[in-house]
Amino acid sequence: MAIGVGDSLPSFCLDDQDGVQRTPETARGRWLVLFFYPKDDTPGCTAEACGFRDSSAAFQELGAEVWGISGDDAISHRRFATRHGLNFPLLVDRNNSLRRSLGVPKALGLVPGRVTYVVDGEGVIRHVFSNLLDGPAHVREAERVISSLQG
């Protein structure tokens, strides 16, 4: 069963590309943008991740942290982050356990879906955006939603 708008983000603990453990509780008091993407270094995922990188100043001004999440391992995440100068954590979701617990769907039943969750400072999901084919739209949508909810 998928979690959605109005639900509390469940607690989790995942390592990022540098072995740092990340939990939603460490972002409490700040907006958190969690973007699930299919795979490191694929064209759509690279465009999405680089979009979040390029908008990092805007997200900082909004008081938001951005975390990317996929089933790739830390080595792949580190290589992806280094190659593209990504300035946010990429969380290792081994066996896609967090993806499954949140109910992030697979596209066509095979490909891990591309879904972004916007979570407020109290840990409540305020927006869910799903679009497999347009990675950069996730960046625009997250920024738009946080701006409108703060305004």
Protein backbone atom coordinates (compact mmCIF):
# COMPACT_ATOMS: atom_id res chain seq x y z
CA MET A 1 0.00 0.00 0.00
CA ALA A 2 1.50 3.30 -1.12
CA ILE A 3 1.90 6.15 1.30
CA GLY A 4 0.73 9.52 0.08
CA VAL A 5 -0.04 13.13 0.84
CA GLY A 6 -0.90 13.65 4.50
CA ASP A 7 0.90 10.49 5.65
CA SER A 8 3.96 10.65 7.87
CA LEU A 9 7.18 9.57 6.24
CA PRO A 10 8.14 6.29 7.89
CA SER A 11 11.46 6.13 9.67
CA PHE A 12 14.36 4.53 7.81
CA CYS A 13 18.13 4.41 7.96
CA LEU A 14 20.12 4.14 4.73
CA ASP A 15 23.77 4.73 3.93
CA ASP A 16 24.71 7.31 1.33
CA GLN A 17 27.52 7.08 -1.22
CA ASP A 18 30.08 7.95 1.47
CA GLY A 19 28.79 5.53 4.11
CA VAL A 20 27.01 8.23 6.13
CA GLN A 21 23.76 6.97 7.64
CA ARG A 22 20.76 9.09 6.72
CA THR A 23 17.44 9.12 8.57
CA PRO A 24 14.45 11.43 8.10
CA GLU A 25 14.89 12.53 11.70
CA THR A 26 18.19 14.25 10.81
CA ALA A 27 16.24 16.53 8.45
CA ARG A 28 13.50 17.37 10.97
CA GLY A 29 12.67 21.06 10.87
CA ARG A 30 13.65 21.34 7.21
CA TRP A 31 11.91 20.39 4.00
CA LEU A 32 13.11 17.09 2.57
CA VAL A 33 12.92 16.18 -1.11
CA LEU A 34 13.33 12.44 -1.67
CA PHE A 35 13.63 11.50 -5.31
CA PHE A 36 13.57 7.85 -6.27
CA TYR A 37 15.20 7.19 -9.61
CA PRO A 38 15.75 3.97 -11.58
CA LYS A 39 19.53 3.77 -12.12
CA ASP A 40 22.79 5.71 -11.87
CA ASP A 41 24.27 7.11 -15.09
CA THR A 42 21.28 6.53 -17.34
CA PRO A 43 20.25 9.53 -19.46
CA GLY A 44 16.98 10.37 -17.67
CA CYS A 45 18.44 9.85 -14.21
CA THR A 46 21.50 11.93 -15.03
CA ALA A 47 19.30 14.78 -16.30
CA GLU A 48 17.20 14.61 -13.13
CA ALA A 49 20.16 14.46 -10.74
CA CYS A 50 21.98 17.28 -12.55
CA GLY A 51 18.78 19.34 -12.40
CA PHE A 52 18.69 18.97 -8.62
CA ARG A 53 22.41 19.86 -8.52
CA ASP A 54 21.86 22.97 -10.63
CA SER A 55 18.96 24.08 -8.40
CA SER A 56 20.75 23.45 -5.11
CA ALA A 57 20.93 27.17 -4.23
CA ALA A 58 17.16 27.53 -4.72
CA PHE A 59 16.48 24.52 -2.49
CA GLN A 60 18.85 25.88 0.16
CA GLU A 61 16.98 29.20 0.12
CA LEU A 62 13.75 27.27 0.63
CA GLY A 63 15.26 25.43 3.61
CA ALA A 64 15.16 22.07 1.83
CA GLU A 65 17.50 19.10 1.67
CA VAL A 66 17.57 16.88 -1.42
CA TRP A 67 18.32 13.15 -1.26
CA GLY A 68 18.41 10.82 -4.26
CA ILE A 69 17.56 7.14 -3.78
CA SER A 70 18.05 4.07 -5.97
CA GLY A 71 18.94 0.42 -5.61
CA ASP A 72 22.49 0.97 -6.89
CA ASP A 73 25.36 0.29 -4.49
CA ALA A 74 27.62 2.88 -2.82
CA ILE A 75 30.40 2.42 -5.39
CA SER A 76 28.04 3.17 -8.26
CA HIS A 77 26.56 6.14 -6.37
CA ARG A 78 30.02 7.54 -5.59
CA ARG A 79 31.08 7.25 -9.23
CA PHE A 80 27.80 8.87 -10.40
CA ALA A 81 28.12 11.73 -7.88
CA THR A 82 31.77 12.36 -8.75
CA ARG A 83 31.26 12.20 -12.51
CA HIS A 84 28.46 14.78 -12.39
CA GLY A 85 29.47 16.91 -9.40
CA LEU A 86 26.36 16.00 -7.43
CA ASN A 87 26.21 17.95 -4.17
CA PHE A 88 23.61 15.92 -2.26
CA PRO A 89 23.48 12.42 -0.80
CA LEU A 90 22.59 9.40 -2.90
CA LEU A 91 21.09 6.76 -0.63
CA VAL A 92 21.68 3.05 -1.17
CA ASP A 93 18.32 1.27 -1.09
CA ARG A 94 19.54 -2.32 -1.02
CA ASN A 95 16.96 -4.69 -2.48
CA ASN A 96 14.70 -1.64 -2.95
CA SER A 97 13.29 -2.14 0.54
CA LEU A 98 12.47 1.57 1.13
CA ARG A 99 11.02 1.82 -2.37
CA ARG A 100 8.70 -1.10 -1.60
CA SER A 101 7.75 0.18 1.87
CA LEU A 102 6.65 3.53 0.40
CA GLY A 103 4.83 1.83 -2.46
CA VAL A 104 6.88 3.40 -5.24
CA PRO A 105 5.54 1.63 -8.34
CA LYS A 106 7.46 -0.05 -11.11
CA ALA A 107 6.88 1.23 -14.62
CA LEU A 108 5.55 -1.42 -16.97
CA GLY A 109 5.97 -3.83 -14.06
CA LEU A 110 9.74 -3.97 -14.63
CA VAL A 111 11.57 -0.64 -14.36
CA PRO A 112 11.84 1.01 -10.93
CA GLY A 113 9.63 4.10 -11.03
CA ARG A 114 10.71 7.73 -10.82
CA VAL A 115 8.82 9.31 -7.92
CA THR A 116 9.58 12.39 -5.80
CA TYR A 117 8.24 12.99 -2.30
CA VAL A 118 8.17 16.47 -0.77
CA VAL A 119 8.18 16.18 3.02
CA ASP A 120 7.66 19.11 5.40
CA GLY A 121 9.72 19.84 8.50
CA GLU A 122 7.36 17.78 10.66
CA GLY A 123 7.85 14.66 8.53
CA VAL A 124 4.49 14.84 6.73
CA ILE A 125 4.37 14.10 3.01
CA ARG A 126 2.98 17.20 1.33
CA HIS A 127 3.33 16.20 -2.35
CA VAL A 128 4.04 13.10 -4.46
CA PHE A 129 5.08 13.44 -8.10
CA SER A 130 5.51 10.53 -10.49
CA ASN A 131 6.82 10.87 -14.04
CA LEU A 132 9.15 8.22 -15.43
CA LEU A 133 10.10 9.99 -18.64
CA ASP A 134 10.73 13.58 -17.56
CA GLY A 135 13.37 13.60 -14.82
CA PRO A 136 13.90 17.38 -14.84
CA ALA A 137 10.17 17.90 -14.20
CA HIS A 138 10.75 16.47 -10.70
CA VAL A 139 13.10 19.35 -9.90
CA ARG A 140 10.66 22.00 -11.13
CA GLU A 141 7.73 20.36 -9.35
CA ALA A 142 9.52 20.03 -5.98
CA GLU A 143 10.68 23.65 -6.08
CA ARG A 144 7.21 24.87 -7.11
CA VAL A 145 5.44 22.93 -4.35
CA ILE A 146 7.77 24.04 -1.55
CA SER A 147 7.57 27.66 -2.71
CA SER A 148 3.77 27.59 -2.85
CA LEU A 149 3.38 25.89 0.54
CA GLN A 150 5.72 28.41 2.16
CA GLY A 151 4.15 31.41 0.45
